[in-house]
C-alpha atoms as a PDB file:
ATOM      1  CA  UNK A   1      13.936 -28.253  24.095  1.00  0.00           C
ATOM      2  CA  UNK A   2      16.738 -25.720  23.699  1.00  0.00           C
ATOM      3  CA  UNK A   3      15.820 -22.375  22.164  1.00  0.00           C
ATOM      4  CA  UNK A   4      18.206 -23.011  19.255  1.00  0.00           C
ATOM      5  CA  UNK A   5      16.320 -26.191  18.317  1.00  0.00           C
ATOM      6  CA  UNK A   6      12.986 -24.448  18.713  1.00  0.00           C
ATOM      7  CA  UNK A   7      13.952 -21.602  16.406  1.00  0.00           C
ATOM      8  CA  UNK A   8      15.672 -24.041  14.043  1.00  0.00           C
ATOM      9  CA  UNK A   9      12.387 -25.868  13.519  1.00  0.00           C
ATOM     10  CA  UNK A  10      10.741 -22.634  12.374  1.00  0.00           C
ATOM     11  CA  UNK A  11      13.651 -21.737  10.094  1.00  0.00           C
ATOM     12  CA  UNK A  12      13.711 -25.204   8.536  1.00  0.00           C
ATOM     13  CA  UNK A  13       9.968 -25.169   7.977  1.00  0.00           C
ATOM     14  CA  UNK A  14      10.164 -21.751   6.334  1.00  0.00           C
ATOM     15  CA  UNK A  15      12.938 -22.979   4.025  1.00  0.00           C
ATOM     16  CA  UNK A  16      11.095 -26.168   3.098  1.00  0.00           C
ATOM     17  CA  UNK A  17       7.680 -24.600   2.622  1.00  0.00           C
ATOM     18  CA  UNK A  18       7.988 -20.830   2.038  1.00  0.00           C
ATOM     19  CA  UNK A  19       4.397 -19.739   1.569  1.00  0.00           C
ATOM     20  CA  UNK A  20       1.720 -17.674   3.270  1.00  0.00           C
ATOM     21  CA  UNK A  21       0.282 -20.678   5.110  1.00  0.00           C
ATOM     22  CA  UNK A  22       3.617 -21.429   6.742  1.00  0.00           C
ATOM     23  CA  UNK A  23       4.055 -17.805   7.754  1.00  0.00           C
ATOM     24  CA  UNK A  24       0.527 -17.748   9.149  1.00  0.00           C
ATOM     25  CA  UNK A  25       1.166 -20.959  11.109  1.00  0.00           C
ATOM     26  CA  UNK A  26       4.373 -19.551  12.591  1.00  0.00           C
ATOM     27  CA  UNK A  27       2.683 -16.275  13.464  1.00  0.00           C
ATOM     28  CA  UNK A  28      -0.164 -18.103  15.201  1.00  0.00           C
ATOM     29  CA  UNK A  29       2.231 -20.325  17.136  1.00  0.00           C
ATOM     30  CA  UNK A  30       4.464 -17.421  18.229  1.00  0.00           C
ATOM     31  CA  UNK A  31       1.535 -15.257  19.307  1.00  0.00           C
ATOM     32  CA  UNK A  32       0.176 -18.205  21.299  1.00  0.00           C
ATOM     33  CA  UNK A  33       3.518 -18.614  23.073  1.00  0.00           C
ATOM     34  CA  UNK A  34       3.644 -14.865  23.775  1.00  0.00           C
ATOM     35  CA  UNK A  35       0.155 -15.028  25.291  1.00  0.00           C
ATOM     36  CA  UNK A  36       1.167 -17.970  27.501  1.00  0.00           C
ATOM     37  CA  UNK A  37       4.198 -16.015  28.757  1.00  0.00           C
ATOM     38  CA  UNK A  38       2.009 -12.987  29.408  1.00  0.00           C
ATOM     39  CA  UNK A  39      -0.451 -15.134  31.364  1.00  0.00           C
ATOM     40  CA  UNK A  40       2.345 -16.230  33.704  1.00  0.00           C
ATOM     41  CA  UNK A  41       3.434 -12.615  34.309  1.00  0.00           C
ATOM     42  CA  UNK A  42      -0.170 -11.505  34.765  1.00  0.00           C
ATOM     43  CA  UNK A  43      -0.758 -14.241  37.336  1.00  0.00           C
ATOM     44  CA  UNK A  44       2.430 -13.211  39.155  1.00  0.00           C
ATOM     45  CA  UNK A  45       1.224  -9.611  39.497  1.00  0.00           C
ATOM     46  CA  UNK A  46      -2.283 -10.614  40.558  1.00  0.00           C
ATOM     47  CA  UNK A  47      -1.038 -13.236  43.020  1.00  0.00           C
ATOM     48  CA  UNK A  48       0.583 -10.488  45.083  1.00  0.00           C
ATOM     49  CA  UNK A  49      -2.916  -9.423  46.149  1.00  0.00           C
ATOM     50  CA  UNK A  50      -2.988 -12.519  48.365  1.00  0.00           C
ATOM     51  CA  UNK A  51       0.145 -11.316  50.163  1.00  0.00           C
ATOM     52  CA  UNK A  52      -1.086  -7.819  50.999  1.00  0.00           C
ATOM     53  CA  UNK A  53      -2.584  -4.742  49.459  1.00  0.00           C
ATOM     54  CA  UNK A  54       0.757  -2.958  49.635  1.00  0.00           C
ATOM     55  CA  UNK A  55       2.540  -5.778  47.798  1.00  0.00           C
ATOM     56  CA  UNK A  56      -0.100  -5.660  45.075  1.00  0.00           C
ATOM     57  CA  UNK A  57       0.227  -1.873  44.794  1.00  0.00           C
ATOM     58  CA  UNK A  58       4.022  -2.199  44.586  1.00  0.00           C
ATOM     59  CA  UNK A  59       3.875  -4.759  41.773  1.00  0.00           C
ATOM     60  CA  UNK A  60       1.206  -2.807  39.970  1.00  0.00           C
ATOM     61  CA  UNK A  61       3.240   0.391  40.232  1.00  0.00           C
ATOM     62  CA  UNK A  62       6.216  -1.487  38.807  1.00  0.00           C
ATOM     63  CA  UNK A  63       4.309  -2.163  35.575  1.00  0.00           C
ATOM     64  CA  UNK A  64       2.854   1.358  35.259  1.00  0.00           C
ATOM     65  CA  UNK A  65       5.765   2.791  33.271  1.00  0.00           C
ATOM     66  CA  UNK A  66       6.001   3.949  29.656  1.00  0.00           C
ATOM     67  CA  UNK A  67       7.980   0.781  28.823  1.00  0.00           C
ATOM     68  CA  UNK A  68       5.188  -1.449  30.121  1.00  0.00           C
ATOM     69  CA  UNK A  69       2.586   0.704  28.343  1.00  0.00           C
ATOM     70  CA  UNK A  70       4.409  -0.041  25.084  1.00  0.00           C
ATOM     71  CA  UNK A  71       4.393  -3.736  26.026  1.00  0.00           C
ATOM     72  CA  UNK A  72       0.677  -3.413  26.744  1.00  0.00           C
ATOM     73  CA  UNK A  73       0.129  -2.052  23.233  1.00  0.00           C
ATOM     74  CA  UNK A  74       2.147  -4.964  21.834  1.00  0.00           C
ATOM     75  CA  UNK A  75       0.070  -7.353  23.954  1.00  0.00           C
ATOM     76  CA  UNK A  76      -3.094  -6.015  22.353  1.00  0.00           C
ATOM     77  CA  UNK A  77      -1.472  -6.481  18.941  1.00  0.00           C
ATOM     78  CA  UNK A  78      -0.622 -10.088  19.818  1.00  0.00           C
ATOM     79  CA  UNK A  79      -4.150 -10.750  21.094  1.00  0.00           C
ATOM     80  CA  UNK A  80      -5.754  -9.208  17.991  1.00  0.00           C
ATOM     81  CA  UNK A  81      -3.452 -11.093  15.617  1.00  0.00           C
ATOM     82  CA  UNK A  82      -3.962 -14.418  17.397  1.00  0.00           C
ATOM     83  CA  UNK A  83      -7.719 -13.878  17.494  1.00  0.00           C
ATOM     84  CA  UNK A  84      -8.064 -12.874  13.852  1.00  0.00           C
ATOM     85  CA  UNK A  85      -5.795 -15.671  12.651  1.00  0.00           C
ATOM     86  CA  UNK A  86      -7.711 -18.159  14.803  1.00  0.00           C
ATOM     87  CA  UNK A  87     -10.995 -17.006  13.291  1.00  0.00           C
ATOM     88  CA  UNK A  88      -9.446 -17.368   9.823  1.00  0.00           C
ATOM     89  CA  UNK A  89      -8.464 -20.953  10.658  1.00  0.00           C
ATOM     90  CA  UNK A  90     -11.979 -21.713  11.920  1.00  0.00           C
ATOM     91  CA  UNK A  91     -13.573 -20.257   8.786  1.00  0.00           C
ATOM     92  CA  UNK A  92     -11.186 -22.168   6.521  1.00  0.00           C
ATOM     93  CA  UNK A  93     -11.630 -25.481   8.341  1.00  0.00           C
ATOM     94  CA  UNK A  94     -15.313 -25.509   9.242  1.00  0.00           C
ATOM     95  CA  UNK A  95     -16.786 -23.645   6.306  1.00  0.00           C
ATOM     96  CA  UNK A  96     -14.812 -25.291   3.501  1.00  0.00           C
ATOM     97  CA  UNK A  97     -12.849 -22.200   2.592  1.00  0.00           C
ATOM     98  CA  UNK A  98      -9.386 -23.769   2.539  1.00  0.00           C
ATOM     99  CA  UNK A  99      -8.859 -22.695  -1.056  1.00  0.00           C
ATOM    100  CA  UNK A 100      -9.530 -19.103   0.003  1.00  0.00           C
ATOM    101  CA  UNK A 101      -7.082 -19.084   2.933  1.00  0.00           C
ATOM    102  CA  UNK A 102      -4.791 -16.522   1.274  1.00  0.00           C
ATOM    103  CA  UNK A 103      -7.664 -14.123   0.702  1.00  0.00           C
ATOM    104  CA  UNK A 104      -8.841 -14.694   4.266  1.00  0.00           C
ATOM    105  CA  UNK A 105      -5.330 -13.953   5.547  1.00  0.00           C
ATOM    106  CA  UNK A 106      -5.161 -10.619   3.704  1.00  0.00           C
ATOM    107  CA  UNK A 107      -8.668  -9.671   4.849  1.00  0.00           C
ATOM    108  CA  UNK A 108      -7.633 -10.536   8.407  1.00  0.00           C
ATOM    109  CA  UNK A 109      -4.471  -8.459   8.060  1.00  0.00           C
ATOM    110  CA  UNK A 110      -6.500  -5.444   6.919  1.00  0.00           C
ATOM    111  CA  UNK A 111      -8.881  -5.905   9.869  1.00  0.00           C
ATOM    112  CA  UNK A 112      -5.846  -6.191  12.180  1.00  0.00           C
ATOM    113  CA  UNK A 113      -4.345  -2.954  10.859  1.00  0.00           C
ATOM    114  CA  UNK A 114      -7.651  -1.098  11.251  1.00  0.00           C
ATOM    115  CA  UNK A 115      -8.056  -2.407  14.808  1.00  0.00           C
ATOM    116  CA  UNK A 116      -4.494  -1.444  15.765  1.00  0.00           C
ATOM    117  CA  UNK A 117      -4.859   2.075  14.345  1.00  0.00           C
ATOM    118  CA  UNK A 118      -8.141   2.449  16.223  1.00  0.00           C
ATOM    119  CA  UNK A 119      -6.589   1.159  19.447  1.00  0.00           C
ATOM    120  CA  UNK A 120      -3.430   3.188  18.920  1.00  0.00           C
ATOM    121  CA  UNK A 121      -5.375   6.438  18.840  1.00  0.00           C
ATOM    122  CA  UNK A 122      -6.371   5.859  22.453  1.00  0.00           C
ATOM    123  CA  UNK A 123      -3.249   4.047  23.653  1.00  0.00           C
ATOM    124  CA  UNK A 124      -0.387   6.175  22.326  1.00  0.00           C
ATOM    125  CA  UNK A 125      -1.314   9.250  24.408  1.00  0.00           C
ATOM    126  CA  UNK A 126      -1.446   6.961  27.449  1.00  0.00           C
ATOM    127  CA  UNK A 127       2.092   5.753  26.805  1.00  0.00           C
ATOM    128  CA  UNK A 128       3.436   9.287  27.071  1.00  0.00           C
ATOM    129  CA  UNK A 129       1.030  11.013  29.466  1.00  0.00           C
ATOM    130  CA  UNK A 130      -0.655   8.455  31.679  1.00  0.00           C
ATOM    131  CA  UNK A 131       2.399   6.920  33.319  1.00  0.00           C
ATOM    132  CA  UNK A 132       2.866   9.914  35.656  1.00  0.00           C
ATOM    133  CA  UNK A 133      -0.865  10.058  36.475  1.00  0.00           C
ATOM    134  CA  UNK A 134      -0.986   6.327  37.213  1.00  0.00           C
ATOM    135  CA  UNK A 135       2.028   6.577  39.512  1.00  0.00           C
ATOM    136  CA  UNK A 136       0.375   9.465  41.361  1.00  0.00           C
ATOM    137  CA  UNK A 137      -2.889   7.536  41.719  1.00  0.00           C
ATOM    138  CA  UNK A 138      -0.998   4.602  43.242  1.00  0.00           C
ATOM    139  CA  UNK A 139       0.795   6.905  45.661  1.00  0.00           C
ATOM    140  CA  UNK A 140       4.242   6.261  44.161  1.00  0.00           C
ATOM    141  CA  UNK A 141       4.734   9.913  43.231  1.00  0.00           C
ATOM    142  CA  UNK A 142       3.617  12.940  45.268  1.00  0.00           C
END
């Protein structure tokens, strides 16, 4: 399916049914796709360990940059959002709370924000400071 068709489906759905449930569905679907793409990249890095230790160290050093630390923070955001939204779907479906799905979404969003602020307090210094230390530990920098 071409990317234009794929995005067109989301745009058409949003135009036909512009409500919080549609937005939540799209968010859940997009975070799931992002996690699948990450899994492929993660497997690619880890698979280099079968080649040699040096190949693994080289690939690992390649992803120990400030840019990839920012992507790592975004990955955690995607995981948290997908997890919280999935739990909201489970609660709505299995516990008969479908009429409360908007309230559950906003509660989930507040939990997501709190979790990201909490995680950000430990991750943001790493983005700016840890990249040099990680490169030194891997032997990339003297």
